[in-house]
Amino acid sequence: MAEEPSRTSEFEAALAELERIVARLDREELSLDEALEMFETGVSHLRTASRLLDDARGVVEELIEDASGELATVDFDLPVGEAADGDGGD
C-alpha cells in the first residue's frame, strides 16, 4: 500500500498543473508557440490524471463485494436522467 500516497500525489500534481495551465491560458496573451506548448503540456498532465483515475477505478471494482462475499463490478455512472442530488431529475 506504500504506492497509494505516490499515486495520490502524482494525481494531485497533474491536476494542479492542469489548473495552472488553464488559468494562464485564460488570463494571458500568449504567442501561438507558447499557447501550443502549454496545451501540449496540459494534454500530457491530462493523460497522466486519466490513467491514474482508470487505475483507481480498477482497484475499487476489485474491492467491491456483494452479499455472498464474491467480488462484483459496480457501474460508477449515474443512470441517464438521475440527478447527482438523488432527486431523480424531476
N, C-alpha and C. Protein backbone atom coordinates (compact mmCIF):
# COMPACT_ATOMS: atom_id res chain seq x y z
N MET A 1 0.81 -1.20 0.00
CA MET A 1 0.00 0.00 0.00
C MET A 1 0.85 1.26 0.00
N ALA A 2 2.15 1.12 -0.01
CA ALA A 2 3.03 2.28 0.01
C ALA A 2 2.91 3.11 -1.26
N GLU A 3 2.37 2.53 -2.32
CA GLU A 3 2.24 3.25 -3.58
C GLU A 3 1.08 4.24 -3.59
N GLU A 4 0.08 4.06 -2.73
CA GLU A 4 -1.10 4.92 -2.75
C GLU A 4 -0.79 6.40 -2.57
N PRO A 5 0.01 6.79 -1.56
CA PRO A 5 0.31 8.22 -1.44
C PRO A 5 1.02 8.75 -2.68
N SER A 6 1.87 7.93 -3.30
CA SER A 6 2.57 8.34 -4.50
C SER A 6 1.59 8.60 -5.64
N ARG A 7 0.62 7.69 -5.82
CA ARG A 7 -0.39 7.86 -6.86
C ARG A 7 -1.24 9.09 -6.57
N THR A 8 -1.60 9.26 -5.32
CA THR A 8 -2.39 10.42 -4.93
C THR A 8 -1.62 11.70 -5.20
N SER A 9 -0.37 11.72 -4.80
CA SER A 9 0.46 12.90 -5.03
C SER A 9 0.63 13.18 -6.52
N GLU A 10 0.83 12.12 -7.29
CA GLU A 10 1.00 12.28 -8.74
C GLU A 10 -0.28 12.83 -9.37
N PHE A 11 -1.43 12.31 -8.94
CA PHE A 11 -2.71 12.79 -9.47
C PHE A 11 -2.92 14.25 -9.09
N GLU A 12 -2.70 14.58 -7.82
CA GLU A 12 -2.90 15.96 -7.37
C GLU A 12 -1.95 16.92 -8.08
N ALA A 13 -0.72 16.50 -8.31
CA ALA A 13 0.24 17.35 -9.02
C ALA A 13 -0.20 17.57 -10.47
N ALA A 14 -0.67 16.51 -11.13
CA ALA A 14 -1.13 16.64 -12.52
C ALA A 14 -2.34 17.56 -12.58
N LEU A 15 -3.26 17.41 -11.65
CA LEU A 15 -4.46 18.26 -11.62
C LEU A 15 -4.09 19.72 -11.34
N ALA A 16 -3.18 19.94 -10.41
CA ALA A 16 -2.75 21.31 -10.09
C ALA A 16 -2.09 21.97 -11.30
N GLU A 17 -1.27 21.21 -12.02
CA GLU A 17 -0.63 21.75 -13.22
C GLU A 17 -1.66 22.07 -14.30
N LEU A 18 -2.64 21.20 -14.46
CA LEU A 18 -3.71 21.48 -15.42
C LEU A 18 -4.43 22.77 -15.07
N GLU A 19 -4.76 22.94 -13.80
CA GLU A 19 -5.44 24.16 -13.36
C GLU A 19 -4.58 25.39 -13.60
N ARG A 20 -3.28 25.28 -13.34
CA ARG A 20 -2.37 26.40 -13.56
C ARG A 20 -2.29 26.76 -15.04
N ILE A 21 -2.22 25.74 -15.89
CA ILE A 21 -2.13 25.96 -17.33
C ILE A 21 -3.41 26.62 -17.85
N VAL A 22 -4.55 26.11 -17.42
CA VAL A 22 -5.83 26.68 -17.86
C VAL A 22 -5.94 28.14 -17.42
N ALA A 23 -5.57 28.41 -16.19
CA ALA A 23 -5.64 29.80 -15.69
C ALA A 23 -4.71 30.70 -16.49
N ARG A 24 -3.53 30.23 -16.79
CA ARG A 24 -2.59 31.06 -17.56
C ARG A 24 -3.09 31.28 -18.98
N LEU A 25 -3.62 30.24 -19.60
CA LEU A 25 -4.16 30.39 -20.95
C LEU A 25 -5.35 31.35 -20.96
N ASP A 26 -6.11 31.36 -19.89
CA ASP A 26 -7.28 32.23 -19.78
C ASP A 26 -6.92 33.70 -19.61
N ARG A 27 -5.89 33.97 -18.82
CA ARG A 27 -5.64 35.35 -18.43
C ARG A 27 -4.51 36.04 -19.19
N GLU A 28 -3.67 35.28 -19.87
CA GLU A 28 -2.53 35.90 -20.52
C GLU A 28 -2.65 35.84 -22.04
N GLU A 29 -2.11 36.85 -22.66
CA GLU A 29 -1.99 36.82 -24.11
C GLU A 29 -0.66 36.16 -24.42
N LEU A 30 -0.73 34.99 -25.00
CA LEU A 30 0.46 34.22 -25.31
C LEU A 30 0.64 34.14 -26.81
N SER A 31 1.88 33.96 -27.21
CA SER A 31 2.12 33.71 -28.63
C SER A 31 1.55 32.33 -28.97
N LEU A 32 1.34 32.09 -30.23
CA LEU A 32 0.82 30.79 -30.67
C LEU A 32 1.74 29.67 -30.21
N ASP A 33 3.05 29.87 -30.34
CA ASP A 33 4.01 28.84 -29.92
C ASP A 33 3.91 28.56 -28.42
N GLU A 34 3.80 29.62 -27.61
CA GLU A 34 3.68 29.44 -26.16
C GLU A 34 2.38 28.72 -25.81
N ALA A 35 1.29 29.12 -26.45
CA ALA A 35 0.00 28.50 -26.18
C ALA A 35 0.00 27.03 -26.57
N LEU A 36 0.60 26.72 -27.72
CA LEU A 36 0.66 25.32 -28.16
C LEU A 36 1.53 24.48 -27.23
N GLU A 37 2.62 25.05 -26.77
CA GLU A 37 3.49 24.34 -25.82
C GLU A 37 2.75 24.06 -24.52
N MET A 38 2.02 25.06 -24.03
CA MET A 38 1.25 24.87 -22.79
C MET A 38 0.14 23.84 -23.01
N PHE A 39 -0.51 23.89 -24.17
CA PHE A 39 -1.56 22.93 -24.47
C PHE A 39 -0.99 21.51 -24.48
N GLU A 40 0.16 21.34 -25.12
CA GLU A 40 0.80 20.02 -25.18
C GLU A 40 1.15 19.51 -23.78
N THR A 41 1.67 20.39 -22.94
CA THR A 41 1.97 20.02 -21.56
C THR A 41 0.70 19.65 -20.82
N GLY A 42 -0.36 20.42 -21.03
CA GLY A 42 -1.64 20.13 -20.39
C GLY A 42 -2.19 18.78 -20.80
N VAL A 43 -2.08 18.44 -22.07
CA VAL A 43 -2.56 17.14 -22.56
C VAL A 43 -1.79 16.01 -21.87
N SER A 44 -0.49 16.21 -21.70
CA SER A 44 0.32 15.21 -21.01
C SER A 44 -0.15 15.02 -19.56
N HIS A 45 -0.42 16.12 -18.87
CA HIS A 45 -0.92 16.03 -17.49
C HIS A 45 -2.31 15.40 -17.45
N LEU A 46 -3.13 15.71 -18.43
CA LEU A 46 -4.47 15.12 -18.51
C LEU A 46 -4.40 13.61 -18.70
N ARG A 47 -3.49 13.17 -19.55
CA ARG A 47 -3.32 11.73 -19.77
C ARG A 47 -2.86 11.03 -18.49
N THR A 48 -1.95 11.67 -17.77
CA THR A 48 -1.48 11.10 -16.51
C THR A 48 -2.63 10.98 -15.52
N ALA A 49 -3.40 12.06 -15.35
CA ALA A 49 -4.53 12.05 -14.42
C ALA A 49 -5.57 11.00 -14.83
N SER A 50 -5.84 10.91 -16.12
CA SER A 50 -6.82 9.93 -16.61
C SER A 50 -6.35 8.51 -16.34
N ARG A 51 -5.07 8.24 -16.58
CA ARG A 51 -4.53 6.91 -16.33
C ARG A 51 -4.65 6.56 -14.85
N LEU A 52 -4.33 7.50 -13.97
CA LEU A 52 -4.42 7.26 -12.54
C LEU A 52 -5.86 7.02 -12.10
N LEU A 53 -6.81 7.75 -12.68
CA LEU A 53 -8.23 7.52 -12.36
C LEU A 53 -8.68 6.15 -12.84
N ASP A 54 -8.24 5.75 -14.02
CA ASP A 54 -8.58 4.41 -14.53
C ASP A 54 -8.01 3.33 -13.62
N ASP A 55 -6.77 3.51 -13.16
CA ASP A 55 -6.16 2.56 -12.23
C ASP A 55 -6.97 2.47 -10.94
N ALA A 56 -7.38 3.63 -10.41
CA ALA A 56 -8.15 3.66 -9.17
C ALA A 56 -9.50 2.97 -9.36
N ARG A 57 -10.13 3.21 -10.51
CA ARG A 57 -11.41 2.56 -10.80
C ARG A 57 -11.24 1.05 -10.77
N GLY A 58 -10.17 0.56 -11.35
CA GLY A 58 -9.91 -0.88 -11.35
C GLY A 58 -9.75 -1.43 -9.95
N VAL A 59 -9.05 -0.71 -9.10
CA VAL A 59 -8.87 -1.15 -7.71
C VAL A 59 -10.20 -1.19 -6.99
N VAL A 60 -11.02 -0.15 -7.15
CA VAL A 60 -12.33 -0.10 -6.48
C VAL A 60 -13.21 -1.26 -6.96
N GLU A 61 -13.22 -1.50 -8.26
CA GLU A 61 -14.03 -2.60 -8.79
C GLU A 61 -13.60 -3.94 -8.21
N GLU A 62 -12.31 -4.11 -7.99
CA GLU A 62 -11.81 -5.37 -7.42
C GLU A 62 -12.20 -5.51 -5.96
N LEU A 63 -12.37 -4.41 -5.26
CA LEU A 63 -12.61 -4.46 -3.82
C LEU A 63 -14.09 -4.54 -3.44
N ILE A 64 -14.97 -4.19 -4.34
CA ILE A 64 -16.39 -4.20 -4.01
C ILE A 64 -16.89 -5.64 -3.97
N GLU A 65 -17.50 -5.99 -2.87
CA GLU A 65 -18.02 -7.34 -2.72
C GLU A 65 -19.53 -7.31 -2.58
N ASP A 66 -20.18 -8.34 -3.13
CA ASP A 66 -21.62 -8.43 -2.93
C ASP A 66 -21.90 -9.22 -1.64
N ALA A 67 -23.15 -9.45 -1.33
CA ALA A 67 -23.54 -10.08 -0.07
C ALA A 67 -22.96 -11.48 0.10
N SER A 68 -22.71 -12.20 -0.98
CA SER A 68 -22.19 -13.56 -0.87
C SER A 68 -20.68 -13.58 -0.67
N GLY A 69 -20.05 -12.40 -0.68
CA GLY A 69 -18.61 -12.33 -0.49
C GLY A 69 -17.83 -12.39 -1.78
N GLU A 70 -18.52 -12.54 -2.88
CA GLU A 70 -17.83 -12.56 -4.17
C GLU A 70 -17.68 -11.14 -4.70
N LEU A 71 -16.61 -10.93 -5.42
CA LEU A 71 -16.38 -9.62 -5.99
C LEU A 71 -17.40 -9.33 -7.08
N ALA A 72 -17.86 -8.11 -7.12
CA ALA A 72 -18.83 -7.70 -8.14
C ALA A 72 -18.38 -6.37 -8.72
N THR A 73 -18.66 -6.17 -9.99
CA THR A 73 -18.35 -4.90 -10.63
C THR A 73 -19.55 -3.99 -10.49
N VAL A 74 -19.29 -2.74 -10.11
CA VAL A 74 -20.36 -1.76 -9.91
C VAL A 74 -20.14 -0.63 -10.90
N ASP A 75 -21.19 -0.22 -11.60
CA ASP A 75 -21.13 0.88 -12.53
C ASP A 75 -21.07 2.18 -11.75
N PHE A 76 -20.06 3.02 -11.99
CA PHE A 76 -19.91 4.28 -11.28
C PHE A 76 -20.80 5.37 -11.83
N ASP A 77 -21.31 5.22 -13.03
CA ASP A 77 -22.08 6.27 -13.67
C ASP A 77 -23.52 6.26 -13.18
N LEU A 78 -24.09 7.46 -13.02
CA LEU A 78 -25.50 7.58 -12.67
C LEU A 78 -26.35 7.19 -13.88
N PRO A 79 -27.50 6.57 -13.64
CA PRO A 79 -28.40 6.28 -14.76
C PRO A 79 -28.81 7.56 -15.46
N VAL A 80 -29.08 7.47 -16.74
CA VAL A 80 -29.48 8.63 -17.52
C VAL A 80 -30.72 9.25 -16.89
N GLY A 81 -30.69 10.58 -16.70
CA GLY A 81 -31.84 11.29 -16.14
C GLY A 81 -31.82 11.39 -14.63
N GLU A 82 -30.91 10.68 -13.94
CA GLU A 82 -30.86 10.77 -12.49
C GLU A 82 -29.91 11.90 -12.09
N ALA A 83 -30.38 12.79 -11.26
CA ALA A 83 -29.57 13.92 -10.83
C ALA A 83 -28.59 13.48 -9.75
N ALA A 84 -27.48 14.19 -9.62
CA ALA A 84 -26.46 13.86 -8.63
C ALA A 84 -26.98 14.00 -7.21
N ASP A 85 -27.99 14.85 -6.97
CA ASP A 85 -28.50 15.04 -5.63
C ASP A 85 -29.56 13.99 -5.26
N GLY A 86 -29.81 13.05 -6.18
CA GLY A 86 -30.70 11.94 -5.87
C GLY A 86 -32.16 12.25 -6.02
N ASP A 87 -32.55 13.38 -6.60
CA ASP A 87 -33.97 13.68 -6.72
C ASP A 87 -34.58 13.10 -7.98
N GLY A 88 -33.78 12.33 -8.74
CA GLY A 88 -34.30 11.68 -9.93
C GLY A 88 -34.43 12.61 -11.12
N GLY A 89 -34.00 13.85 -10.99
CA GLY A 89 -34.03 14.78 -12.09
C GLY A 89 -35.38 15.38 -12.37
N ASP A 90 -36.37 15.12 -11.50
CA ASP A 90 -37.72 15.65 -11.72
C ASP A 90 -37.87 17.03 -11.17
